[in-house]
Amino acid sequence: MKQIEVHILQQSYLLSCPEGHESRLLEAVERVDTAMTRIRDAGKVRARERIAVLAALNLAFEVADREAAAPVAPAPAAAPALHQEPALTDGDEQRLRHLVHRLDEALGDDGRLL
């Protein structure tokens, strides 16, 4: 394991990373830092913990949207089966949107989730 020092929202973190995966980790750090910076710079949310939660939710929502838009190709017959998350159903999407709406209401003047 390799350790890499990164900065997210101007705070330093020492992260462990498997050898050869440094570039993927740095890309992930950049995404998180960008998402958190946007929320902070909007000026409505100041608490670092709240910014982190909002950024995580926004990024998770983006991933769910991408997964719903791009169906996963079936694995070749000879390949071992890997665990795959089931696709979102219409009911799942509706519950997710309802959750986002409830979070927006709870945040009030702190800012909207999306």
C-alpha atoms as a PDB file:
ATOM      1  CA  MET A   1       0.000   0.000   0.000  1.00  0.00           C
ATOM      2  CA  LYS A   2       1.206   3.430  -0.892  1.00  0.00           C
ATOM      3  CA  GLN A   3       0.283   6.562   1.061  1.00  0.00           C
ATOM      4  CA  ILE A   4      -0.594   9.759  -0.787  1.00  0.00           C
ATOM      5  CA  GLU A   5      -1.161  13.186   0.731  1.00  0.00           C
ATOM      6  CA  VAL A   6      -4.094  14.994  -0.875  1.00  0.00           C
ATOM      7  CA  HIS A   7      -6.007  18.202  -0.222  1.00  0.00           C
ATOM      8  CA  ILE A   8      -9.787  18.394  -0.152  1.00  0.00           C
ATOM      9  CA  LEU A   9     -11.398  21.728   0.568  1.00  0.00           C
ATOM     10  CA  GLN A  10      -7.996  23.078   1.635  1.00  0.00           C
ATOM     11  CA  GLN A  11      -7.539  20.364   4.258  1.00  0.00           C
ATOM     12  CA  SER A  12      -4.765  17.774   4.045  1.00  0.00           C
ATOM     13  CA  TYR A  13      -5.508  14.030   4.156  1.00  0.00           C
ATOM     14  CA  LEU A  14      -3.075  11.100   4.081  1.00  0.00           C
ATOM     15  CA  LEU A  15      -4.755   8.282   2.126  1.00  0.00           C
ATOM     16  CA  SER A  16      -3.681   4.694   1.565  1.00  0.00           C
ATOM     17  CA  CYS A  17      -3.794   3.487  -2.014  1.00  0.00           C
ATOM     18  CA  PRO A  18      -2.954   0.165  -3.669  1.00  0.00           C
ATOM     19  CA  GLU A  19       0.110   0.326  -5.928  1.00  0.00           C
ATOM     20  CA  GLY A  20      -0.808   1.291  -9.476  1.00  0.00           C
ATOM     21  CA  HIS A  21      -4.104   2.961  -8.557  1.00  0.00           C
ATOM     22  CA  GLU A  22      -2.742   6.399  -7.674  1.00  0.00           C
ATOM     23  CA  SER A  23      -4.185   8.138 -10.739  1.00  0.00           C
ATOM     24  CA  ARG A  24      -7.688   6.780 -10.040  1.00  0.00           C
ATOM     25  CA  LEU A  25      -7.465   7.951  -6.439  1.00  0.00           C
ATOM     26  CA  LEU A  26      -6.291  11.409  -7.513  1.00  0.00           C
ATOM     27  CA  GLU A  27      -9.175  11.649 -10.007  1.00  0.00           C
ATOM     28  CA  ALA A  28     -11.627  10.743  -7.231  1.00  0.00           C
ATOM     29  CA  VAL A  29     -10.057  13.332  -4.920  1.00  0.00           C
ATOM     30  CA  GLU A  30     -10.411  15.969  -7.652  1.00  0.00           C
ATOM     31  CA  ARG A  31     -14.106  15.134  -8.105  1.00  0.00           C
ATOM     32  CA  VAL A  32     -14.800  15.308  -4.381  1.00  0.00           C
ATOM     33  CA  ASP A  33     -12.821  18.538  -3.959  1.00  0.00           C
ATOM     34  CA  THR A  34     -14.622  20.139  -6.926  1.00  0.00           C
ATOM     35  CA  ALA A  35     -18.052  19.081  -5.627  1.00  0.00           C
ATOM     36  CA  MET A  36     -17.324  20.355  -2.124  1.00  0.00           C
ATOM     37  CA  THR A  37     -15.822  23.623  -3.400  1.00  0.00           C
ATOM     38  CA  ARG A  38     -18.930  24.329  -5.507  1.00  0.00           C
ATOM     39  CA  ILE A  39     -21.205  23.845  -2.497  1.00  0.00           C
ATOM     40  CA  ARG A  40     -18.985  25.991  -0.256  1.00  0.00           C
ATOM     41  CA  ASP A  41     -18.636  28.730  -2.883  1.00  0.00           C
ATOM     42  CA  ALA A  42     -22.408  28.901  -3.330  1.00  0.00           C
ATOM     43  CA  GLY A  43     -22.254  30.539   0.094  1.00  0.00           C
ATOM     44  CA  LYS A  44     -25.259  28.835   1.647  1.00  0.00           C
ATOM     45  CA  VAL A  45     -23.486  26.049   3.544  1.00  0.00           C
ATOM     46  CA  ARG A  46     -20.417  26.597   5.715  1.00  0.00           C
ATOM     47  CA  ALA A  47     -20.085  23.505   7.921  1.00  0.00           C
ATOM     48  CA  ARG A  48     -17.481  21.161   6.418  1.00  0.00           C
ATOM     49  CA  GLU A  49     -19.423  18.057   7.497  1.00  0.00           C
ATOM     50  CA  ARG A  50     -22.630  19.269   5.855  1.00  0.00           C
ATOM     51  CA  ILE A  51     -20.717  20.195   2.691  1.00  0.00           C
ATOM     52  CA  ALA A  52     -19.212  16.682   2.611  1.00  0.00           C
ATOM     53  CA  VAL A  53     -22.609  15.013   3.010  1.00  0.00           C
ATOM     54  CA  LEU A  54     -24.178  17.143   0.287  1.00  0.00           C
ATOM     55  CA  ALA A  55     -21.254  16.477  -2.062  1.00  0.00           C
ATOM     56  CA  ALA A  56     -21.452  12.728  -1.397  1.00  0.00           C
ATOM     57  CA  LEU A  57     -25.185  12.698  -2.073  1.00  0.00           C
ATOM     58  CA  ASN A  58     -24.784  14.713  -5.263  1.00  0.00           C
ATOM     59  CA  LEU A  59     -22.021  12.405  -6.523  1.00  0.00           C
ATOM     60  CA  ALA A  60     -24.038   9.279  -5.632  1.00  0.00           C
ATOM     61  CA  PHE A  61     -27.050  10.711  -7.452  1.00  0.00           C
ATOM     62  CA  GLU A  62     -24.902  11.375 -10.547  1.00  0.00           C
ATOM     63  CA  VAL A  63     -23.619   7.785 -10.476  1.00  0.00           C
ATOM     64  CA  ALA A  64     -27.172   6.427 -10.155  1.00  0.00           C
ATOM     65  CA  ASP A  65     -28.271   8.566 -13.124  1.00  0.00           C
ATOM     66  CA  ARG A  66     -25.354   7.304 -15.235  1.00  0.00           C
ATOM     67  CA  GLU A  67     -26.035   3.691 -14.292  1.00  0.00           C
ATOM     68  CA  ALA A  68     -29.712   4.077 -15.175  1.00  0.00           C
ATOM     69  CA  ALA A  69     -28.861   5.696 -18.524  1.00  0.00           C
ATOM     70  CA  ALA A  70     -26.177   3.199 -19.593  1.00  0.00           C
ATOM     71  CA  PRO A  71     -27.220  -0.443 -19.157  1.00  0.00           C
ATOM     72  CA  VAL A  72     -24.408  -2.772 -18.158  1.00  0.00           C
ATOM     73  CA  ALA A  73     -23.371  -5.223 -20.900  1.00  0.00           C
ATOM     74  CA  PRO A  74     -23.751  -8.868 -19.916  1.00  0.00           C
ATOM     75  CA  ALA A  75     -20.562 -10.593 -18.811  1.00  0.00           C
ATOM     76  CA  PRO A  76     -19.062 -13.170 -21.182  1.00  0.00           C
ATOM     77  CA  ALA A  77     -20.246 -16.719 -20.450  1.00  0.00           C
ATOM     78  CA  ALA A  78     -16.742 -17.892 -19.466  1.00  0.00           C
ATOM     79  CA  ALA A  79     -16.175 -15.041 -17.006  1.00  0.00           C
ATOM     80  CA  PRO A  80     -17.045 -15.611 -13.333  1.00  0.00           C
ATOM     81  CA  ALA A  81     -20.168 -13.815 -12.193  1.00  0.00           C
ATOM     82  CA  LEU A  82     -19.445 -10.633 -10.259  1.00  0.00           C
ATOM     83  CA  HIS A  83     -21.846  -9.011  -7.847  1.00  0.00           C
ATOM     84  CA  GLN A  84     -23.810  -6.342  -9.680  1.00  0.00           C
ATOM     85  CA  GLU A  85     -26.202  -3.894  -8.150  1.00  0.00           C
ATOM     86  CA  PRO A  86     -29.689  -4.217  -9.614  1.00  0.00           C
ATOM     87  CA  ALA A  87     -30.843  -1.446 -11.923  1.00  0.00           C
ATOM     88  CA  LEU A  88     -33.095   1.198 -10.435  1.00  0.00           C
ATOM     89  CA  THR A  89     -36.760   0.526 -10.982  1.00  0.00           C
ATOM     90  CA  ASP A  90     -39.289   3.293 -11.542  1.00  0.00           C
ATOM     91  CA  GLY A  91     -40.296   2.915  -7.898  1.00  0.00           C
ATOM     92  CA  ASP A  92     -36.668   3.236  -6.786  1.00  0.00           C
ATOM     93  CA  GLU A  93     -36.226   6.406  -8.835  1.00  0.00           C
ATOM     94  CA  GLN A  94     -39.422   7.846  -7.397  1.00  0.00           C
ATOM     95  CA  ARG A  95     -38.293   7.040  -3.830  1.00  0.00           C
ATOM     96  CA  LEU A  96     -34.872   8.576  -4.549  1.00  0.00           C
ATOM     97  CA  ARG A  97     -36.438  11.767  -5.892  1.00  0.00           C
ATOM     98  CA  HIS A  98     -38.770  11.871  -2.858  1.00  0.00           C
ATOM     99  CA  LEU A  99     -35.735  11.507  -0.560  1.00  0.00           C
ATOM    100  CA  VAL A 100     -33.948  14.356  -2.349  1.00  0.00           C
ATOM    101  CA  HIS A 101     -37.082  16.499  -1.994  1.00  0.00           C
ATOM    102  CA  ARG A 102     -37.276  15.731   1.750  1.00  0.00           C
ATOM    103  CA  LEU A 103     -33.579  16.561   2.158  1.00  0.00           C
ATOM    104  CA  ASP A 104     -34.111  19.862   0.328  1.00  0.00           C
ATOM    105  CA  GLU A 105     -36.960  20.693   2.687  1.00  0.00           C
ATOM    106  CA  ALA A 106     -34.866  19.800   5.736  1.00  0.00           C
ATOM    107  CA  LEU A 107     -31.945  21.913   4.508  1.00  0.00           C
ATOM    108  CA  GLY A 108     -34.182  24.937   4.094  1.00  0.00           C
ATOM    109  CA  ASP A 109     -32.078  28.077   3.713  1.00  0.00           C
ATOM    110  CA  ASP A 110     -28.818  26.077   3.842  1.00  0.00           C
ATOM    111  CA  GLY A 111     -29.189  25.253   0.188  1.00  0.00           C
ATOM    112  CA  ARG A 112     -30.751  22.780  -2.146  1.00  0.00           C
ATOM    113  CA  LEU A 113     -29.256  19.352  -2.603  1.00  0.00           C
ATOM    114  CA  LEU A 114     -29.262  19.409  -6.398  1.00  0.00           C
END
